[in-house]
Amino acid sequence: MTGDSSKRHYAEDCMIGQRHVSATCSVTEPDIIEFAQKCDPQYYHFDAAAARASQFGGLISSGLQNVALCAEPDR
């Protein structure tokens, strides 16, 4: 998205089944851990050893982090 308000997306404007493709970015394990410790402290986001024993089988990024990255303007 750009600073042009005509291109901004708001939840109330979304239609069921509508898709949005955001820009790509790379997220490192330290990025995942740092975000989780600040914003979503579930063990499978920041404790690699405990995450291996979870249903996920390893560290995963927070859904909140993914949404934040997709919503970041000018990305």
C-alpha atoms as a PDB file:
ATOM      1  CA  MET A   1       0.000   0.000   0.000  1.00  0.00           C
ATOM      2  CA  THR A   2       1.081   3.539  -0.549  1.00  0.00           C
ATOM      3  CA  GLY A   3       0.259   6.841   1.081  1.00  0.00           C
ATOM      4  CA  ASP A   4      -2.542   7.289  -1.468  1.00  0.00           C
ATOM      5  CA  SER A   5      -5.722   6.935   0.628  1.00  0.00           C
ATOM      6  CA  SER A   6      -7.656   5.650  -2.400  1.00  0.00           C
ATOM      7  CA  LYS A   7      -5.543   2.473  -2.206  1.00  0.00           C
ATOM      8  CA  ARG A   8      -5.981   1.850   1.527  1.00  0.00           C
ATOM      9  CA  HIS A   9      -7.917  -1.215   2.611  1.00  0.00           C
ATOM     10  CA  TYR A  10     -10.305  -1.258   5.546  1.00  0.00           C
ATOM     11  CA  ALA A  11     -11.909  -4.335   7.135  1.00  0.00           C
ATOM     12  CA  GLU A  12     -15.431  -3.156   6.341  1.00  0.00           C
ATOM     13  CA  ASP A  13     -14.536  -2.956   2.639  1.00  0.00           C
ATOM     14  CA  CYS A  14     -13.436  -6.601   2.412  1.00  0.00           C
ATOM     15  CA  MET A  15     -15.647  -9.159   0.738  1.00  0.00           C
ATOM     16  CA  ILE A  16     -15.779 -12.848   1.684  1.00  0.00           C
ATOM     17  CA  GLY A  17     -13.291 -14.717  -0.476  1.00  0.00           C
ATOM     18  CA  GLN A  18     -11.419 -11.569  -1.484  1.00  0.00           C
ATOM     19  CA  ARG A  19      -7.642 -11.977  -1.517  1.00  0.00           C
ATOM     20  CA  HIS A  20      -4.864  -9.532  -0.823  1.00  0.00           C
ATOM     21  CA  VAL A  21      -1.271 -10.158  -1.856  1.00  0.00           C
ATOM     22  CA  SER A  22       1.261  -8.225   0.170  1.00  0.00           C
ATOM     23  CA  ALA A  23       4.896  -7.587  -0.602  1.00  0.00           C
ATOM     24  CA  THR A  24       7.334 -10.289   0.426  1.00  0.00           C
ATOM     25  CA  CYS A  25       9.730  -9.961   3.323  1.00  0.00           C
ATOM     26  CA  SER A  26      12.086 -12.134   5.334  1.00  0.00           C
ATOM     27  CA  VAL A  27      11.613 -12.782   9.033  1.00  0.00           C
ATOM     28  CA  THR A  28      14.430 -14.323  11.044  1.00  0.00           C
ATOM     29  CA  GLU A  29      14.168 -16.493  14.137  1.00  0.00           C
ATOM     30  CA  PRO A  30      15.409 -13.594  16.314  1.00  0.00           C
ATOM     31  CA  ASP A  31      12.676 -11.391  14.740  1.00  0.00           C
ATOM     32  CA  ILE A  32      10.030 -13.986  15.644  1.00  0.00           C
ATOM     33  CA  ILE A  33      11.306 -14.326  19.212  1.00  0.00           C
ATOM     34  CA  GLU A  34      11.613 -10.572  19.788  1.00  0.00           C
ATOM     35  CA  PHE A  35       8.077  -9.894  18.530  1.00  0.00           C
ATOM     36  CA  ALA A  36       6.619 -12.760  20.568  1.00  0.00           C
ATOM     37  CA  GLN A  37       8.270 -11.660  23.793  1.00  0.00           C
ATOM     38  CA  LYS A  38       6.809  -8.170  23.362  1.00  0.00           C
ATOM     39  CA  CYS A  39       3.403  -8.863  21.818  1.00  0.00           C
ATOM     40  CA  ASP A  40       2.364 -12.552  21.822  1.00  0.00           C
ATOM     41  CA  PRO A  41       4.141 -14.527  24.558  1.00  0.00           C
ATOM     42  CA  GLN A  42       3.021 -18.038  23.615  1.00  0.00           C
ATOM     43  CA  TYR A  43       5.876 -20.510  24.219  1.00  0.00           C
ATOM     44  CA  TYR A  44       5.785 -21.846  20.644  1.00  0.00           C
ATOM     45  CA  HIS A  45       6.693 -18.354  19.398  1.00  0.00           C
ATOM     46  CA  PHE A  46       9.784 -17.805  21.577  1.00  0.00           C
ATOM     47  CA  ASP A  47      10.981 -21.068  23.203  1.00  0.00           C
ATOM     48  CA  ALA A  48      12.489 -23.259  20.457  1.00  0.00           C
ATOM     49  CA  ALA A  49      12.942 -26.323  22.685  1.00  0.00           C
ATOM     50  CA  ALA A  50       9.373 -26.242  24.009  1.00  0.00           C
ATOM     51  CA  ALA A  51       8.060 -25.485  20.514  1.00  0.00           C
ATOM     52  CA  ARG A  52       9.673 -28.693  19.176  1.00  0.00           C
ATOM     53  CA  ALA A  53       7.490 -30.667  21.606  1.00  0.00           C
ATOM     54  CA  SER A  54       4.342 -28.756  20.591  1.00  0.00           C
ATOM     55  CA  GLN A  55       1.811 -29.659  17.924  1.00  0.00           C
ATOM     56  CA  PHE A  56       3.785 -27.393  15.566  1.00  0.00           C
ATOM     57  CA  GLY A  57       7.060 -29.289  15.916  1.00  0.00           C
ATOM     58  CA  GLY A  58       9.090 -26.102  16.102  1.00  0.00           C
ATOM     59  CA  LEU A  59       9.123 -22.367  16.479  1.00  0.00           C
ATOM     60  CA  ILE A  60       6.380 -20.542  14.557  1.00  0.00           C
ATOM     61  CA  SER A  61       5.751 -16.859  13.994  1.00  0.00           C
ATOM     62  CA  SER A  62       2.806 -15.152  15.601  1.00  0.00           C
ATOM     63  CA  GLY A  63      -0.292 -14.559  13.510  1.00  0.00           C
ATOM     64  CA  LEU A  64      -0.254 -11.041  14.941  1.00  0.00           C
ATOM     65  CA  GLN A  65       3.234 -10.563  13.525  1.00  0.00           C
ATOM     66  CA  ASN A  66       2.132 -11.804  10.108  1.00  0.00           C
ATOM     67  CA  VAL A  67      -0.834  -9.436  10.024  1.00  0.00           C
ATOM     68  CA  ALA A  68       1.350  -6.536  11.142  1.00  0.00           C
ATOM     69  CA  LEU A  69       3.854  -7.248   8.375  1.00  0.00           C
ATOM     70  CA  CYS A  70       1.131  -7.468   5.719  1.00  0.00           C
ATOM     71  CA  ALA A  71      -0.473  -4.241   6.896  1.00  0.00           C
ATOM     72  CA  GLU A  72       2.762  -2.264   7.020  1.00  0.00           C
ATOM     73  CA  PRO A  73       2.449   0.602   4.518  1.00  0.00           C
ATOM     74  CA  ASP A  74       4.956   1.117   1.718  1.00  0.00           C
ATOM     75  CA  ARG A  75       6.361  -2.396   2.116  1.00  0.00           C
END
